[in-house]
Amino acid sequence: MIQRSEFRSYRRNDLVIESDEWTDRMYCVTGGLLRVVARGNAGNADVTTDFIRRGDIFHGPLLTEDRYQAASTLIAALPSSVYLVPVAAVRELCAKHPEMALGLVDLTLRRTGLLRRQLRRVSSLSAEALVGRVLHELTQLAPVGSGGYDKRITQAVIASYSGLSREVVNKTMRDMESRGLVRRDGEGIHVPSDFGSTDIGNLLPAENELSKEDYRQRVPPPLPDSFGSDN
């Protein structure tokens, strides 16, 4: 499988694939972090709907053909390494390993569920609760040090993922920093290990148990051995 794949490296903010673009490849992230973006129109800002981290895969809705039209734009949130895997090769592998095909379908359904929960979360949570949830999630998606995330993840990205304006995100994070909930250093931006059960957690009684589960649902099932890495 690796022999039939193309390895590419992307710098931060590089475009990986544009929405509506046709491709015959799946995108397997081996390092860094990509973000899935729904392009805005009529003056609306772009929205980050999901992140694709190391070990995760971006692919079309169905594997019935050897090529598909990308439903979303894919952009490197951090410098990233990606294998571009031929869909035809994956289909051959799925024919030999039906459990892999089921796993890819399950991954697609779970991402749809995550997007629905995110939309509900944006409409129901306060700005502080929403930013807190995103920061906590970033410590798992782009971890550095102890309880931190990569400082190259910008407030603009956080705003596009949370559905808030950049100004609101900036104000909220500054307030959290003044209260000791957020700490910055040369390595990254850090939040307490029990962040979900502090001020932020108290605002989310119905969602306290979702963060780790949401994260686990973003990671696809193991592939067979034949598959083979703006402040």
C-alpha atoms as a PDB file:
ATOM      1  CA  MET A   1       0.000   0.000   0.000  1.00  0.00           C
ATOM      2  CA  ILE A   2       2.773   2.446   0.909  1.00  0.00           C
ATOM      3  CA  GLN A   3       4.482   1.770  -2.429  1.00  0.00           C
ATOM      4  CA  ARG A   4       1.339   2.929  -4.232  1.00  0.00           C
ATOM      5  CA  SER A   5       0.969   6.054  -2.106  1.00  0.00           C
ATOM      6  CA  GLU A   6       2.453   9.527  -2.452  1.00  0.00           C
ATOM      7  CA  PHE A   7       4.073  11.224   0.543  1.00  0.00           C
ATOM      8  CA  ARG A   8       3.707  14.983   0.887  1.00  0.00           C
ATOM      9  CA  SER A   9       4.710  17.586   3.445  1.00  0.00           C
ATOM     10  CA  TYR A  10       2.638  20.718   4.015  1.00  0.00           C
ATOM     11  CA  ARG A  11       3.537  23.951   5.725  1.00  0.00           C
ATOM     12  CA  ARG A  12       1.128  25.620   8.117  1.00  0.00           C
ATOM     13  CA  ASN A  13      -1.839  27.123   6.235  1.00  0.00           C
ATOM     14  CA  ASP A  14      -1.025  25.213   3.034  1.00  0.00           C
ATOM     15  CA  LEU A  15      -4.050  24.067   1.046  1.00  0.00           C
ATOM     16  CA  VAL A  16      -4.252  20.273   0.848  1.00  0.00           C
ATOM     17  CA  ILE A  17      -7.426  20.001  -1.223  1.00  0.00           C
ATOM     18  CA  GLU A  18     -10.208  22.454  -2.074  1.00  0.00           C
ATOM     19  CA  SER A  19     -13.903  21.688  -1.708  1.00  0.00           C
ATOM     20  CA  ASP A  20     -15.541  20.417  -4.925  1.00  0.00           C
ATOM     21  CA  GLU A  21     -12.138  19.359  -6.243  1.00  0.00           C
ATOM     22  CA  TRP A  22     -12.025  15.860  -7.709  1.00  0.00           C
ATOM     23  CA  THR A  23      -9.442  13.455  -6.344  1.00  0.00           C
ATOM     24  CA  ASP A  24      -8.618   9.767  -6.490  1.00  0.00           C
ATOM     25  CA  ARG A  25      -6.761   9.833  -3.160  1.00  0.00           C
ATOM     26  CA  MET A  26      -7.481   9.435   0.535  1.00  0.00           C
ATOM     27  CA  TYR A  27      -5.422  11.539   2.940  1.00  0.00           C
ATOM     28  CA  CYS A  28      -3.729   9.725   5.823  1.00  0.00           C
ATOM     29  CA  VAL A  29      -2.065  12.082   8.302  1.00  0.00           C
ATOM     30  CA  THR A  30       1.216  10.804   9.729  1.00  0.00           C
ATOM     31  CA  GLY A  31       2.256  13.987  11.529  1.00  0.00           C
ATOM     32  CA  GLY A  32       0.909  17.438  12.322  1.00  0.00           C
ATOM     33  CA  LEU A  33      -2.726  18.495  12.122  1.00  0.00           C
ATOM     34  CA  LEU A  34      -5.144  19.305   9.308  1.00  0.00           C
ATOM     35  CA  ARG A  35      -8.439  21.122   9.614  1.00  0.00           C
ATOM     36  CA  VAL A  36     -11.624  20.492   7.663  1.00  0.00           C
ATOM     37  CA  VAL A  37     -13.100  23.772   6.456  1.00  0.00           C
ATOM     38  CA  ALA A  38     -16.509  24.732   5.079  1.00  0.00           C
ATOM     39  CA  ARG A  39     -15.964  27.767   2.883  1.00  0.00           C
ATOM     40  CA  GLY A  40     -18.043  30.823   3.700  1.00  0.00           C
ATOM     41  CA  ASN A  41     -20.054  32.657   1.061  1.00  0.00           C
ATOM     42  CA  ALA A  42     -21.758  36.020   0.714  1.00  0.00           C
ATOM     43  CA  GLY A  43     -19.286  37.568   3.146  1.00  0.00           C
ATOM     44  CA  ASN A  44     -19.529  34.793   5.723  1.00  0.00           C
ATOM     45  CA  ALA A  45     -16.308  33.550   7.307  1.00  0.00           C
ATOM     46  CA  ASP A  46     -14.923  30.056   6.754  1.00  0.00           C
ATOM     47  CA  VAL A  47     -15.872  27.520   9.424  1.00  0.00           C
ATOM     48  CA  THR A  48     -13.598  24.772  10.747  1.00  0.00           C
ATOM     49  CA  THR A  49     -15.843  21.730  11.207  1.00  0.00           C
ATOM     50  CA  ASP A  50     -13.280  19.121  12.242  1.00  0.00           C
ATOM     51  CA  PHE A  51      -9.582  18.350  12.711  1.00  0.00           C
ATOM     52  CA  ILE A  52      -7.659  15.457  11.179  1.00  0.00           C
ATOM     53  CA  ARG A  53      -4.771  14.467  13.455  1.00  0.00           C
ATOM     54  CA  ARG A  54      -1.971  11.935  13.236  1.00  0.00           C
ATOM     55  CA  GLY A  55      -3.329   8.482  12.429  1.00  0.00           C
ATOM     56  CA  ASP A  56      -6.611   9.878  11.120  1.00  0.00           C
ATOM     57  CA  ILE A  57      -7.949   9.743   7.556  1.00  0.00           C
ATOM     58  CA  PHE A  58      -9.840  12.146   5.290  1.00  0.00           C
ATOM     59  CA  HIS A  59     -11.837  10.475   2.541  1.00  0.00           C
ATOM     60  CA  GLY A  60     -14.974  10.752   0.450  1.00  0.00           C
ATOM     61  CA  PRO A  61     -18.469   9.859   1.659  1.00  0.00           C
ATOM     62  CA  LEU A  62     -18.538   6.494  -0.119  1.00  0.00           C
ATOM     63  CA  LEU A  63     -15.962   4.147  -1.622  1.00  0.00           C
ATOM     64  CA  THR A  64     -18.107   3.050  -4.554  1.00  0.00           C
ATOM     65  CA  GLU A  65     -15.868   4.739  -7.140  1.00  0.00           C
ATOM     66  CA  ASP A  66     -12.136   5.247  -7.553  1.00  0.00           C
ATOM     67  CA  ARG A  67     -12.496   9.041  -7.320  1.00  0.00           C
ATOM     68  CA  TYR A  68     -14.722  11.500  -5.498  1.00  0.00           C
ATOM     69  CA  GLN A  69     -15.461  15.203  -5.162  1.00  0.00           C
ATOM     70  CA  ALA A  70     -14.232  16.645  -1.876  1.00  0.00           C
ATOM     71  CA  ALA A  71     -17.134  17.912   0.219  1.00  0.00           C
ATOM     72  CA  SER A  72     -14.879  20.184   2.305  1.00  0.00           C
ATOM     73  CA  THR A  73     -11.613  22.061   2.056  1.00  0.00           C
ATOM     74  CA  LEU A  74      -8.587  20.609   3.845  1.00  0.00           C
ATOM     75  CA  ILE A  75      -5.933  22.997   5.209  1.00  0.00           C
ATOM     76  CA  ALA A  76      -2.803  22.345   7.263  1.00  0.00           C
ATOM     77  CA  ALA A  77      -3.353  23.791  10.743  1.00  0.00           C
ATOM     78  CA  LEU A  78       0.253  22.833  11.589  1.00  0.00           C
ATOM     79  CA  PRO A  79       3.180  21.621   9.473  1.00  0.00           C
ATOM     80  CA  SER A  80       1.953  18.191   8.439  1.00  0.00           C
ATOM     81  CA  SER A  81       3.038  14.961   6.776  1.00  0.00           C
ATOM     82  CA  VAL A  82       0.418  13.161   4.723  1.00  0.00           C
ATOM     83  CA  TYR A  83       0.233   9.993   2.651  1.00  0.00           C
ATOM     84  CA  LEU A  84      -2.019  10.342  -0.392  1.00  0.00           C
ATOM     85  CA  VAL A  85      -3.384   6.829  -0.736  1.00  0.00           C
ATOM     86  CA  PRO A  86      -5.117   5.732  -3.975  1.00  0.00           C
ATOM     87  CA  VAL A  87      -8.816   5.079  -3.413  1.00  0.00           C
ATOM     88  CA  ALA A  88      -8.563   2.124  -5.800  1.00  0.00           C
ATOM     89  CA  ALA A  89      -5.951   0.497  -3.566  1.00  0.00           C
ATOM     90  CA  VAL A  90      -8.117   1.068  -0.486  1.00  0.00           C
ATOM     91  CA  ARG A  91     -11.116  -0.467  -2.240  1.00  0.00           C
ATOM     92  CA  GLU A  92      -9.042  -3.540  -3.059  1.00  0.00           C
ATOM     93  CA  LEU A  93      -7.987  -3.775   0.568  1.00  0.00           C
ATOM     94  CA  CYS A  94     -11.587  -3.362   1.748  1.00  0.00           C
ATOM     95  CA  ALA A  95     -12.616  -6.252  -0.497  1.00  0.00           C
ATOM     96  CA  LYS A  96     -10.095  -8.446   1.313  1.00  0.00           C
ATOM     97  CA  HIS A  97     -10.840  -7.003   4.756  1.00  0.00           C
ATOM     98  CA  PRO A  98     -14.581  -6.123   5.024  1.00  0.00           C
ATOM     99  CA  GLU A  99     -14.053  -4.932   8.596  1.00  0.00           C
ATOM    100  CA  MET A 100     -11.956  -2.070   7.235  1.00  0.00           C
ATOM    101  CA  ALA A 101     -14.811  -0.906   4.994  1.00  0.00           C
ATOM    102  CA  LEU A 102     -17.180  -1.006   7.954  1.00  0.00           C
ATOM    103  CA  GLY A 103     -14.668   0.970  10.001  1.00  0.00           C
ATOM    104  CA  LEU A 104     -14.491   3.726   7.368  1.00  0.00           C
ATOM    105  CA  VAL A 105     -18.286   3.940   7.192  1.00  0.00           C
ATOM    106  CA  ASP A 106     -18.420   4.109  10.989  1.00  0.00           C
ATOM    107  CA  LEU A 107     -15.840   6.904  10.980  1.00  0.00           C
ATOM    108  CA  THR A 108     -17.941   8.919   8.522  1.00  0.00           C
ATOM    109  CA  LEU A 109     -21.085   8.495  10.618  1.00  0.00           C
ATOM    110  CA  ARG A 110     -19.266   9.483  13.799  1.00  0.00           C
ATOM    111  CA  ARG A 111     -17.906  12.648  12.188  1.00  0.00           C
ATOM    112  CA  THR A 112     -21.433  13.565  11.142  1.00  0.00           C
ATOM    113  CA  GLY A 113     -22.544  13.107  14.747  1.00  0.00           C
ATOM    114  CA  LEU A 114     -19.663  15.236  16.011  1.00  0.00           C
ATOM    115  CA  LEU A 115     -20.621  18.039  13.652  1.00  0.00           C
ATOM    116  CA  ARG A 116     -24.215  17.955  14.877  1.00  0.00           C
ATOM    117  CA  ARG A 117     -23.065  18.094  18.503  1.00  0.00           C
ATOM    118  CA  GLN A 118     -20.735  20.959  17.660  1.00  0.00           C
ATOM    119  CA  LEU A 119     -23.609  22.940  16.132  1.00  0.00           C
ATOM    120  CA  ARG A 120     -25.738  22.364  19.231  1.00  0.00           C
ATOM    121  CA  ARG A 121     -22.806  23.338  21.427  1.00  0.00           C
ATOM    122  CA  VAL A 122     -22.248  26.615  19.548  1.00  0.00           C
ATOM    123  CA  SER A 123     -25.889  27.577  19.955  1.00  0.00           C
ATOM    124  CA  SER A 124     -26.231  26.673  23.643  1.00  0.00           C
ATOM    125  CA  LEU A 125     -22.970  27.423  25.469  1.00  0.00           C
ATOM    126  CA  SER A 126     -21.534  30.687  26.713  1.00  0.00           C
ATOM    127  CA  ALA A 127     -18.413  32.059  25.026  1.00  0.00           C
ATOM    128  CA  GLU A 128     -16.228  31.067  27.981  1.00  0.00           C
ATOM    129  CA  ALA A 129     -17.582  27.530  28.099  1.00  0.00           C
ATOM    130  CA  LEU A 130     -17.192  27.134  24.359  1.00  0.00           C
ATOM    131  CA  VAL A 131     -13.619  28.455  24.234  1.00  0.00           C
ATOM    132  CA  GLY A 132     -12.734  26.286  27.218  1.00  0.00           C
ATOM    133  CA  ARG A 133     -13.992  23.161  25.466  1.00  0.00           C
ATOM    134  CA  VAL A 134     -12.016  23.990  22.332  1.00  0.00           C
ATOM    135  CA  LEU A 135      -8.785  24.635  24.264  1.00  0.00           C
ATOM    136  CA  HIS A 136      -9.203  21.348  26.109  1.00  0.00           C
ATOM    137  CA  GLU A 137      -9.728  19.522  22.820  1.00  0.00           C
ATOM    138  CA  LEU A 138      -6.637  21.146  21.305  1.00  0.00           C
ATOM    139  CA  THR A 139      -4.482  19.735  24.115  1.00  0.00           C
ATOM    140  CA  GLN A 140      -5.391  16.317  22.712  1.00  0.00           C
ATOM    141  CA  LEU A 141      -5.235  17.188  19.014  1.00  0.00           C
ATOM    142  CA  ALA A 142      -1.960  19.155  19.069  1.00  0.00           C
ATOM    143  CA  PRO A 143      -0.345  18.358  22.440  1.00  0.00           C
ATOM    144  CA  VAL A 144       2.871  19.919  23.720  1.00  0.00           C
ATOM    145  CA  GLY A 145       4.423  19.614  27.164  1.00  0.00           C
ATOM    146  CA  SER A 146       2.092  18.970  30.065  1.00  0.00           C
ATOM    147  CA  GLY A 147      -1.517  19.950  29.413  1.00  0.00           C
ATOM    148  CA  GLY A 148      -0.690  22.299  26.571  1.00  0.00           C
ATOM    149  CA  TYR A 149      -1.316  22.693  22.858  1.00  0.00           C
ATOM    150  CA  ASP A 150       0.871  24.000  20.043  1.00  0.00           C
ATOM    151  CA  LYS A 151       0.981  27.811  20.144  1.00  0.00           C
ATOM    152  CA  ARG A 152       0.898  27.907  16.339  1.00  0.00           C
ATOM    153  CA  ILE A 153      -2.815  27.120  16.543  1.00  0.00           C
ATOM    154  CA  THR A 154      -4.089  30.658  16.159  1.00  0.00           C
ATOM    155  CA  GLN A 155      -7.030  32.431  17.716  1.00  0.00           C
ATOM    156  CA  ALA A 156      -8.438  32.752  14.200  1.00  0.00           C
ATOM    157  CA  VAL A 157      -8.573  28.958  13.941  1.00  0.00           C
ATOM    158  CA  ILE A 158     -10.136  28.695  17.408  1.00  0.00           C
ATOM    159  CA  ALA A 159     -12.731  31.273  16.364  1.00  0.00           C
ATOM    160  CA  SER A 160     -13.574  29.422  13.156  1.00  0.00           C
ATOM    161  CA  TYR A 161     -14.004  26.153  15.093  1.00  0.00           C
ATOM    162  CA  SER A 162     -16.004  27.621  17.969  1.00  0.00           C
ATOM    163  CA  GLY A 163     -18.284  29.791  15.843  1.00  0.00           C
ATOM    164  CA  LEU A 164     -17.234  32.906  17.761  1.00  0.00           C
ATOM    165  CA  SER A 165     -15.570  36.044  16.441  1.00  0.00           C
ATOM    166  CA  ARG A 166     -11.825  36.386  16.827  1.00  0.00           C
ATOM    167  CA  GLU A 167     -12.383  39.419  19.055  1.00  0.00           C
ATOM    168  CA  VAL A 168     -14.555  37.396  21.443  1.00  0.00           C
ATOM    169  CA  VAL A 169     -12.018  34.557  21.514  1.00  0.00           C
ATOM    170  CA  ASN A 170      -9.191  37.009  22.255  1.00  0.00           C
ATOM    171  CA  LYS A 171     -11.119  38.683  25.081  1.00  0.00           C
ATOM    172  CA  THR A 172     -12.186  35.352  26.565  1.00  0.00           C
ATOM    173  CA  MET A 173      -8.684  33.881  26.509  1.00  0.00           C
ATOM    174  CA  ARG A 174      -7.202  37.016  28.089  1.00  0.00           C
ATOM    175  CA  ASP A 175      -9.764  36.800  30.869  1.00  0.00           C
ATOM    176  CA  MET A 176      -8.981  33.108  31.403  1.00  0.00           C
ATOM    177  CA  GLU A 177      -5.280  33.929  31.524  1.00  0.00           C
ATOM    178  CA  SER A 178      -5.839  36.611  34.165  1.00  0.00           C
ATOM    179  CA  ARG A 179      -7.652  34.006  36.300  1.00  0.00           C
ATOM    180  CA  GLY A 180      -4.913  31.409  35.887  1.00  0.00           C
ATOM    181  CA  LEU A 181      -6.922  29.073  33.665  1.00  0.00           C
ATOM    182  CA  VAL A 182      -4.627  29.650  30.685  1.00  0.00           C
ATOM    183  CA  ARG A 183      -0.841  29.923  30.761  1.00  0.00           C
ATOM    184  CA  ARG A 184       1.463  30.764  27.861  1.00  0.00           C
ATOM    185  CA  ASP A 185       5.154  29.982  27.506  1.00  0.00           C
ATOM    186  CA  GLY A 186       7.674  29.445  24.729  1.00  0.00           C
ATOM    187  CA  GLU A 187       6.461  25.905  24.187  1.00  0.00           C
ATOM    188  CA  GLY A 188       2.720  26.359  23.914  1.00  0.00           C
ATOM    189  CA  ILE A 189      -0.510  27.381  25.587  1.00  0.00           C
ATOM    190  CA  HIS A 190      -1.343  25.380  28.701  1.00  0.00           C
ATOM    191  CA  VAL A 191      -4.545  24.652  30.584  1.00  0.00           C
ATOM    192  CA  PRO A 192      -4.916  22.707  33.863  1.00  0.00           C
ATOM    193  CA  SER A 193      -5.149  18.926  33.596  1.00  0.00           C
ATOM    194  CA  ASP A 194      -8.568  19.096  35.294  1.00  0.00           C
ATOM    195  CA  PHE A 195      -9.710  21.942  33.048  1.00  0.00           C
ATOM    196  CA  GLY A 196     -13.024  20.223  32.307  1.00  0.00           C
ATOM    197  CA  SER A 197     -13.960  20.193  35.994  1.00  0.00           C
ATOM    198  CA  THR A 198     -12.965  23.788  36.883  1.00  0.00           C
ATOM    199  CA  ASP A 199     -14.914  26.924  35.957  1.00  0.00           C
ATOM    200  CA  ILE A 200     -15.460  25.557  32.473  1.00  0.00           C
ATOM    201  CA  GLY A 201     -16.638  22.176  33.652  1.00  0.00           C
ATOM    202  CA  ASN A 202     -19.184  23.670  36.002  1.00  0.00           C
ATOM    203  CA  LEU A 203     -20.830  25.313  33.030  1.00  0.00           C
ATOM    204  CA  LEU A 204     -21.199  21.992  31.214  1.00  0.00           C
ATOM    205  CA  PRO A 205     -23.013  19.483  33.436  1.00  0.00           C
ATOM    206  CA  ALA A 206     -24.455  17.625  30.468  1.00  0.00           C
ATOM    207  CA  GLU A 207     -21.204  17.415  28.536  1.00  0.00           C
ATOM    208  CA  ASN A 208     -18.495  16.747  31.114  1.00  0.00           C
ATOM    209  CA  GLU A 209     -18.036  13.171  29.943  1.00  0.00           C
ATOM    210  CA  LEU A 210     -17.976  13.958  26.227  1.00  0.00           C
ATOM    211  CA  SER A 211     -14.527  15.414  25.664  1.00  0.00           C
ATOM    212  CA  LYS A 212     -12.478  12.229  25.814  1.00  0.00           C
ATOM    213  CA  GLU A 213     -15.206  10.247  24.093  1.00  0.00           C
ATOM    214  CA  ASP A 214     -15.452  12.813  21.307  1.00  0.00           C
ATOM    215  CA  TYR A 215     -11.705  12.582  20.851  1.00  0.00           C
ATOM    216  CA  ARG A 216     -11.736   8.786  20.727  1.00  0.00           C
ATOM    217  CA  GLN A 217     -14.439   8.916  18.086  1.00  0.00           C
ATOM    218  CA  ARG A 218     -12.224  11.020  15.850  1.00  0.00           C
ATOM    219  CA  VAL A 219      -9.617   8.248  15.588  1.00  0.00           C
ATOM    220  CA  PRO A 220     -10.360   5.547  12.996  1.00  0.00           C
ATOM    221  CA  PRO A 221     -10.070   1.838  13.775  1.00  0.00           C
ATOM    222  CA  PRO A 222      -6.624   0.265  13.229  1.00  0.00           C
ATOM    223  CA  LEU A 223      -5.824  -0.534   9.613  1.00  0.00           C
ATOM    224  CA  PRO A 224      -4.686  -4.004   8.557  1.00  0.00           C
ATOM    225  CA  ASP A 225      -0.929  -4.567   8.584  1.00  0.00           C
ATOM    226  CA  SER A 226      -0.840  -4.258   4.788  1.00  0.00           C
ATOM    227  CA  PHE A 227      -1.588  -0.538   5.034  1.00  0.00           C
ATOM    228  CA  GLY A 228       1.913  -0.208   6.230  1.00  0.00           C
ATOM    229  CA  SER A 229       3.274   8.658   9.582  1.00  0.00           C
ATOM    230  CA  ASP A 230      -1.591  34.599  12.701  1.00  0.00           C
ATOM    231  CA  ASN A 231      -1.563  35.057  16.123  1.00  0.00           C
END
